[in-house]
C-alpha atoms as a PDB file:
ATOM      1  CA  MET A   1      -9.858 -48.465 -53.084  1.00  0.00           C
ATOM      2  CA  PRO A   2     -13.021 -49.306 -51.108  1.00  0.00           C
ATOM      3  CA  GLU A   3     -13.993 -46.986 -48.255  1.00  0.00           C
ATOM      4  CA  VAL A   4     -15.600 -47.674 -44.904  1.00  0.00           C
ATOM      5  CA  THR A   5     -17.121 -45.157 -42.505  1.00  0.00           C
ATOM      6  CA  ILE A   6     -16.739 -45.903 -38.812  1.00  0.00           C
ATOM      7  CA  LYS A   7     -18.719 -43.946 -36.248  1.00  0.00           C
ATOM      8  CA  TYR A   8     -17.445 -43.993 -32.679  1.00  0.00           C
ATOM      9  CA  GLU A   9     -18.189 -42.289 -29.390  1.00  0.00           C
ATOM     10  CA  LYS A  10     -14.959 -42.633 -27.420  1.00  0.00           C
ATOM     11  CA  PRO A  11     -11.988 -40.515 -28.585  1.00  0.00           C
ATOM     12  CA  GLU A  12      -9.519 -43.315 -27.800  1.00  0.00           C
ATOM     13  CA  THR A  13     -11.143 -45.378 -30.559  1.00  0.00           C
ATOM     14  CA  LEU A  14      -9.548 -43.116 -33.154  1.00  0.00           C
ATOM     15  CA  LYS A  15      -6.173 -43.562 -31.482  1.00  0.00           C
ATOM     16  CA  ILE A  16      -6.565 -47.348 -31.650  1.00  0.00           C
ATOM     17  CA  LEU A  17      -7.676 -47.251 -35.284  1.00  0.00           C
ATOM     18  CA  LYS A  18      -4.672 -45.146 -36.275  1.00  0.00           C
ATOM     19  CA  GLY A  19      -2.380 -47.602 -34.487  1.00  0.00           C
ATOM     20  CA  LEU A  20      -3.965 -50.530 -36.300  1.00  0.00           C
ATOM     21  CA  ALA A  21      -3.674 -48.707 -39.624  1.00  0.00           C
ATOM     22  CA  GLU A  22       0.107 -48.931 -39.432  1.00  0.00           C
ATOM     23  CA  TYR A  23       0.065 -52.700 -38.993  1.00  0.00           C
ATOM     24  CA  LEU A  24      -2.834 -53.581 -41.290  1.00  0.00           C
ATOM     25  CA  ASP A  25      -1.893 -51.192 -44.103  1.00  0.00           C
ATOM     26  CA  PHE A  26      -4.987 -49.005 -44.306  1.00  0.00           C
ATOM     27  CA  LYS A  27      -5.527 -45.257 -44.068  1.00  0.00           C
ATOM     28  CA  VAL A  28      -7.524 -43.344 -41.487  1.00  0.00           C
ATOM     29  CA  SER A  29      -8.817 -40.005 -42.716  1.00  0.00           C
ATOM     30  CA  SER A  30     -11.416 -37.531 -41.610  1.00  0.00           C
ATOM     31  CA  SER A  31     -14.116 -36.043 -43.782  1.00  0.00           C
ATOM     32  CA  ALA A  32     -13.321 -32.839 -45.689  1.00  0.00           C
ATOM     33  CA  THR A  33     -15.562 -30.794 -43.397  1.00  0.00           C
ATOM     34  CA  LYS A  34     -13.872 -31.892 -40.170  1.00  0.00           C
ATOM     35  CA  LYS A  35     -10.534 -30.749 -38.817  1.00  0.00           C
ATOM     36  CA  GLU A  36      -7.756 -33.361 -38.682  1.00  0.00           C
ATOM     37  CA  ILE A  37      -7.423 -34.658 -35.128  1.00  0.00           C
ATOM     38  CA  SER A  38      -3.926 -35.040 -33.747  1.00  0.00           C
ATOM     39  CA  LEU A  39      -3.265 -37.977 -31.462  1.00  0.00           C
ATOM     40  CA  ASP A  40      -1.823 -35.492 -28.994  1.00  0.00           C
ATOM     41  CA  ASP A  41      -5.223 -33.823 -28.698  1.00  0.00           C
ATOM     42  CA  ILE A  42      -7.068 -36.959 -27.647  1.00  0.00           C
ATOM     43  CA  LEU A  43      -7.749 -37.244 -23.942  1.00  0.00           C
ATOM     44  CA  VAL A  44      -7.859 -40.699 -22.424  1.00  0.00           C
ATOM     45  CA  PRO A  45      -9.921 -41.044 -19.254  1.00  0.00           C
ATOM     46  CA  ASN A  46      -7.894 -41.559 -16.075  1.00  0.00           C
ATOM     47  CA  ASP A  47      -7.829 -44.958 -14.408  1.00  0.00           C
ATOM     48  CA  LYS A  48      -9.038 -44.169 -10.903  1.00  0.00           C
ATOM     49  CA  ASN A  49      -7.261 -47.270  -9.564  1.00  0.00           C
ATOM     50  CA  ALA A  50      -3.849 -46.214 -10.908  1.00  0.00           C
ATOM     51  CA  ASP A  51      -1.095 -45.876  -8.293  1.00  0.00           C
ATOM     52  CA  LEU A  52       0.490 -42.526  -9.114  1.00  0.00           C
ATOM     53  CA  SER A  53       2.808 -42.657  -6.110  1.00  0.00           C
ATOM     54  CA  LYS A  54       5.221 -44.670  -8.274  1.00  0.00           C
ATOM     55  CA  LEU A  55       5.807 -41.495 -10.298  1.00  0.00           C
ATOM     56  CA  ASN A  56       7.234 -39.683  -7.271  1.00  0.00           C
ATOM     57  CA  LYS A  57      10.734 -41.082  -7.833  1.00  0.00           C
ATOM     58  CA  VAL A  58      10.656 -39.879 -11.451  1.00  0.00           C
ATOM     59  CA  PHE A  59      10.070 -36.251 -10.473  1.00  0.00           C
ATOM     60  CA  THR A  60      11.691 -36.078  -7.009  1.00  0.00           C
ATOM     61  CA  GLY A  61      14.911 -34.072  -6.830  1.00  0.00           C
ATOM     62  CA  LYS A  62      14.546 -32.626 -10.343  1.00  0.00           C
ATOM     63  CA  ASP A  63      13.912 -29.070  -9.086  1.00  0.00           C
ATOM     64  CA  LEU A  64      10.764 -28.839 -11.224  1.00  0.00           C
ATOM     65  CA  ASP A  65       8.470 -25.879 -10.840  1.00  0.00           C
ATOM     66  CA  ALA A  66       5.144 -25.793 -12.696  1.00  0.00           C
ATOM     67  CA  LYS A  67       5.325 -22.031 -13.199  1.00  0.00           C
ATOM     68  CA  LYS A  68       8.840 -22.198 -14.688  1.00  0.00           C
ATOM     69  CA  LEU A  69       7.863 -25.094 -16.954  1.00  0.00           C
ATOM     70  CA  ARG A  70       4.849 -23.197 -18.283  1.00  0.00           C
ATOM     71  CA  GLU A  71       6.931 -20.096 -18.933  1.00  0.00           C
ATOM     72  CA  GLN A  72       9.588 -22.097 -20.789  1.00  0.00           C
ATOM     73  CA  LEU A  73       7.308 -24.375 -22.785  1.00  0.00           C
ATOM     74  CA  TRP A  74       4.336 -22.138 -23.508  1.00  0.00           C
ATOM     75  CA  ARG A  75       6.167 -19.167 -24.972  1.00  0.00           C
ATOM     76  CA  LYS A  76       4.260 -17.566 -27.785  1.00  0.00           C
ATOM     77  CA  THR A  77       6.249 -17.169 -30.958  1.00  0.00           C
ATOM     78  CA  LYS A  78       5.703 -13.999 -32.943  1.00  0.00           C
END
């Protein structure tokens, strides 16, 4: 199978390429010297014009506490 090397600067480019790979039937792989990048590890820059007030109704009345969430979700397994 032929191979192509794509160099990119923005981390979201990898996310887009992996999404396209599913539809266009090609594989995205990293070089043997680099660690595999999870899509969960890619940070997408925030849109400064986004209206986050619409999220208030999603979280209002849920009795959410950041400290409790961290304690529950970030437990270290031994």
